[in-house]
Amino acid sequence: MKTPQITMRYLNLARILWALVTLSAIVATYADTASRGPVLPLNFFGYFTIQSNLVVVIVGLIAGLLGLAKGASTPRWVVGLRALASVCMVVVGLIYITLLAPLGAAGGVPLPWANWVMHIFGPLLVLADWLLARDRTFLSYRAVPLLLIHPMLWTGVVLVRGASDGWVPYPFLNPDQGYRVIALYVVSIAVVFAGIAFLVVAYGLRGRHRDVQLEIH
């Protein structure tokens, strides 16, 4: 499949623009939090939402700038980063809608506009980019476990911190609920992560026998 160069230029500009919007939302959230008291960076950046949106910033800038500079198919390692951003942001959106929003929890993003950027628009746009943009080579199913490394490390750190200093980023991981409840949430989230990672890679493999590698002209 061939994609017009002008279309790819606009797409890469859009990636850079959204990366900057997301970065602005993170900085504004940090400043807003600091205006109400001291900020512990370990806590602020301990939110999966913040970490995932930082991934969006990094990946958006890398993919956008490389695309503008090279005008060719995205390197496989960048495709892997895009897949990671897609997995993380889809989970961010799902957890916010199903577990946080019903409780009235901001998930570490009290500013309304920044909350929309990081919890709603971000997941939708990153997912749309993965589903619609074709500037990528294919990832094999061996990439699925790699996409789970960051989420599982984050979960492990949160559980250790919850047991040691009592800080947890989200109420459903509060150890006061009892570890049976926590274990149920962790297993459920792990299954969701694994399922989404599998679907992201599987979608990217569509038409692999027809399109070995995207050619942009």
Protein backbone atom coordinates (compact mmCIF):
# COMPACT_ATOMS: atom_id res chain seq x y z
CA MET A 1 0.00 0.00 0.00
CA LYS A 2 1.32 3.45 -0.86
CA THR A 3 0.63 6.57 1.13
CA PRO A 4 0.94 10.05 -0.42
CA GLN A 5 3.91 11.94 0.96
CA ILE A 6 1.82 15.03 1.74
CA THR A 7 -0.56 12.93 3.85
CA MET A 8 2.34 11.51 5.83
CA ARG A 9 3.74 14.99 6.35
CA TYR A 10 0.48 16.17 7.91
CA LEU A 11 0.26 13.00 10.00
CA ASN A 12 3.75 13.49 11.40
CA LEU A 13 3.06 17.15 12.11
CA ALA A 14 -0.09 16.09 13.96
CA ARG A 15 1.94 13.63 16.04
CA ILE A 16 4.37 16.36 17.03
CA LEU A 17 1.53 18.77 17.82
CA TRP A 18 -0.27 16.25 20.03
CA ALA A 19 2.99 15.40 21.80
CA LEU A 20 3.38 19.09 22.66
CA VAL A 21 -0.25 19.37 23.79
CA THR A 22 0.23 16.33 26.01
CA LEU A 23 3.46 17.74 27.43
CA SER A 24 1.64 20.99 28.20
CA ALA A 25 -1.05 19.04 30.05
CA ILE A 26 1.56 17.22 32.14
CA VAL A 27 3.43 20.43 32.98
CA ALA A 28 0.17 22.24 33.83
CA THR A 29 -0.89 19.37 36.07
CA TYR A 30 2.46 19.43 37.87
CA ALA A 31 2.23 23.21 38.34
CA ASP A 32 -1.36 22.97 39.58
CA THR A 33 -0.39 20.28 42.07
CA ALA A 34 2.62 22.31 43.23
CA SER A 35 0.40 25.36 43.77
CA ARG A 36 -1.49 23.44 46.45
CA GLY A 37 1.51 22.07 48.32
CA PRO A 38 4.87 20.35 47.95
CA VAL A 39 5.09 17.85 45.11
CA LEU A 40 6.91 14.57 45.53
CA PRO A 41 8.13 13.69 42.03
CA LEU A 42 8.13 9.98 42.93
CA ASN A 43 4.42 10.23 43.63
CA PHE A 44 3.51 12.51 40.74
CA PHE A 45 5.31 10.39 38.18
CA GLY A 46 4.07 7.23 39.88
CA TYR A 47 0.68 7.58 38.20
CA PHE A 48 0.34 5.26 35.23
CA THR A 49 -1.57 8.02 33.46
CA ILE A 50 1.38 10.39 33.72
CA GLN A 51 3.89 7.75 32.69
CA SER A 52 1.79 6.66 29.71
CA ASN A 53 1.32 10.22 28.52
CA LEU A 54 5.06 10.81 28.82
CA VAL A 55 5.45 7.82 26.51
CA VAL A 56 3.04 9.54 24.12
CA VAL A 57 5.17 12.70 24.23
CA ILE A 58 8.40 10.83 23.54
CA VAL A 59 6.95 8.56 20.86
CA GLY A 60 5.05 11.38 19.17
CA LEU A 61 8.16 13.52 18.90
CA ILE A 62 10.37 10.64 17.73
CA ALA A 63 7.89 9.27 15.18
CA GLY A 64 6.92 12.72 13.95
CA LEU A 65 10.43 14.11 13.58
CA LEU A 66 11.80 10.92 12.02
CA GLY A 67 8.89 10.82 9.61
CA LEU A 68 9.46 14.41 8.54
CA ALA A 69 13.21 13.93 8.20
CA LYS A 70 13.33 10.57 6.48
CA GLY A 71 10.02 10.42 4.63
CA ALA A 72 10.17 6.63 4.71
CA SER A 73 8.61 3.74 6.58
CA THR A 74 9.03 4.00 10.33
CA PRO A 75 11.88 1.90 11.80
CA ARG A 76 10.71 -1.22 13.60
CA TRP A 77 11.86 0.04 17.02
CA VAL A 78 9.71 3.14 16.60
CA VAL A 79 6.77 0.95 15.61
CA GLY A 80 7.36 -0.97 18.84
CA LEU A 81 7.23 2.28 20.81
CA ARG A 82 4.02 3.25 19.02
CA ALA A 83 2.55 -0.12 19.95
CA LEU A 84 3.55 0.42 23.58
CA ALA A 85 1.93 3.86 23.58
CA SER A 86 -1.23 2.36 22.10
CA VAL A 87 -1.43 -0.41 24.71
CA CYS A 88 -0.78 1.93 27.63
CA MET A 89 -3.17 4.65 26.49
CA VAL A 90 -6.02 2.25 25.72
CA VAL A 91 -5.67 0.85 29.25
CA VAL A 92 -5.53 4.40 30.66
CA GLY A 93 -8.80 5.23 28.92
CA LEU A 94 -10.52 2.00 29.96
CA ILE A 95 -9.46 2.22 33.61
CA TYR A 96 -10.47 5.86 33.81
CA ILE A 97 -13.92 5.22 32.33
CA THR A 98 -14.65 2.04 34.29
CA LEU A 99 -12.88 2.49 37.64
CA LEU A 100 -11.97 6.14 38.26
CA ALA A 101 -14.65 8.33 36.68
CA PRO A 102 -17.52 6.50 38.48
CA LEU A 103 -15.77 7.26 41.80
CA GLY A 104 -15.22 10.89 40.87
CA ALA A 105 -11.47 10.28 41.03
CA ALA A 106 -9.22 12.44 38.85
CA GLY A 107 -6.49 9.83 38.64
CA GLY A 108 -3.79 12.38 39.42
CA VAL A 109 -5.08 14.93 36.87
CA PRO A 110 -7.29 17.47 38.70
CA LEU A 111 -7.24 20.10 35.92
CA PRO A 112 -10.36 19.45 33.78
CA TRP A 113 -8.77 20.25 30.40
CA ALA A 114 -5.62 18.27 31.21
CA ASN A 115 -7.78 15.41 32.44
CA TRP A 116 -9.54 15.31 29.07
CA VAL A 117 -6.23 15.46 27.22
CA MET A 118 -4.66 12.60 29.16
CA HIS A 119 -7.63 10.37 29.94
CA ILE A 120 -9.99 10.84 26.97
CA PHE A 121 -8.56 12.51 23.88
CA GLY A 122 -5.13 10.93 24.29
CA PRO A 123 -6.32 7.32 24.27
CA LEU A 124 -8.68 8.00 21.35
CA LEU A 125 -6.08 9.76 19.19
CA VAL A 126 -3.27 7.30 19.89
CA LEU A 127 -5.58 4.40 19.10
CA ALA A 128 -6.77 6.11 15.90
CA ASP A 129 -3.15 6.66 14.87
CA TRP A 130 -2.41 2.95 15.31
CA LEU A 131 -5.57 1.83 13.53
CA LEU A 132 -5.42 4.22 10.58
CA ALA A 133 -1.77 5.13 9.93
CA ARG A 134 0.11 2.68 7.73
CA ASP A 135 3.67 3.96 8.07
CA ARG A 136 4.98 0.90 9.84
CA THR A 137 6.68 -2.41 9.39
CA PHE A 138 5.15 -5.44 11.07
CA LEU A 139 5.69 -6.60 14.63
CA SER A 140 5.58 -10.32 15.38
CA TYR A 141 3.65 -11.84 18.28
CA ARG A 142 6.97 -12.09 20.10
CA ALA A 143 6.54 -8.36 20.75
CA VAL A 144 3.52 -8.98 23.01
CA PRO A 145 5.54 -9.93 26.14
CA LEU A 146 7.83 -6.95 25.56
CA LEU A 147 4.84 -4.62 25.57
CA LEU A 148 3.91 -5.94 29.02
CA ILE A 149 7.26 -5.23 30.69
CA HIS A 150 6.56 -1.61 31.61
CA PRO A 151 2.97 -2.17 32.91
CA MET A 152 4.05 -5.16 35.00
CA LEU A 153 7.05 -3.30 36.45
CA TRP A 154 4.77 -0.39 37.31
CA THR A 155 2.31 -2.74 39.04
CA GLY A 156 5.10 -4.35 41.04
CA VAL A 157 6.47 -1.00 42.21
CA VAL A 158 2.98 0.18 43.21
CA LEU A 159 2.34 -2.98 45.25
CA VAL A 160 5.68 -2.62 47.03
CA ARG A 161 5.04 1.04 47.80
CA GLY A 162 1.50 0.31 48.97
CA ALA A 163 2.84 -2.26 51.41
CA SER A 164 5.79 -0.13 52.58
CA ASP A 165 4.90 3.55 52.68
CA GLY A 166 1.15 3.28 52.04
CA TRP A 167 1.12 5.40 48.88
CA VAL A 168 -0.93 4.15 45.95
CA PRO A 169 -1.85 6.12 42.83
CA TYR A 170 -5.38 4.77 42.44
CA PRO A 171 -8.02 3.86 45.04
CA PHE A 172 -8.66 0.38 43.63
CA LEU A 173 -5.06 -0.53 44.57
CA ASN A 174 -5.39 0.62 48.18
CA PRO A 175 -4.11 -2.18 50.48
CA ASP A 176 -6.81 -1.28 53.03
CA GLN A 177 -9.21 -3.23 50.83
CA GLY A 178 -7.33 -6.43 51.58
CA TYR A 179 -4.91 -8.23 49.35
CA ARG A 180 -7.51 -10.63 47.99
CA VAL A 181 -9.30 -7.67 46.44
CA ILE A 182 -6.00 -6.18 45.28
CA ALA A 183 -5.00 -9.51 43.73
CA LEU A 184 -8.30 -9.64 41.84
CA TYR A 185 -7.72 -6.17 40.43
CA VAL A 186 -4.10 -6.93 39.52
CA VAL A 187 -4.99 -10.16 37.74
CA SER A 188 -7.84 -8.46 35.90
CA ILE A 189 -5.64 -5.57 34.81
CA ALA A 190 -2.91 -7.98 33.70
CA VAL A 191 -5.41 -9.87 31.57
CA VAL A 192 -6.63 -6.60 30.06
CA PHE A 193 -3.06 -5.52 29.29
CA ALA A 194 -2.21 -8.85 27.70
CA GLY A 195 -5.41 -8.88 25.65
CA ILE A 196 -4.92 -5.34 24.37
CA ALA A 197 -1.24 -5.98 23.58
CA PHE A 198 -2.23 -9.07 21.58
CA LEU A 199 -4.93 -7.14 19.69
CA VAL A 200 -2.59 -4.24 18.94
CA VAL A 201 0.04 -6.55 17.45
CA ALA A 202 -2.58 -8.64 15.64
CA TYR A 203 -4.09 -5.55 14.03
CA GLY A 204 -0.65 -4.45 12.89
CA LEU A 205 -0.14 -7.84 11.23
CA ARG A 206 -3.20 -7.52 9.03
CA GLY A 207 -2.28 -7.89 5.36
CA ARG A 208 1.31 -8.90 6.15
CA HIS A 209 1.35 -11.30 3.20
CA ARG A 210 0.22 -8.51 0.89
CA ASP A 211 2.24 -5.60 2.25
CA VAL A 212 5.68 -6.76 3.29
CA GLN A 213 6.72 -3.19 4.05
CA LEU A 214 5.06 0.12 3.43
CA GLU A 215 6.46 2.10 0.54
CA ILE A 216 5.99 5.85 0.69
CA HIS A 217 6.58 7.96 -2.35
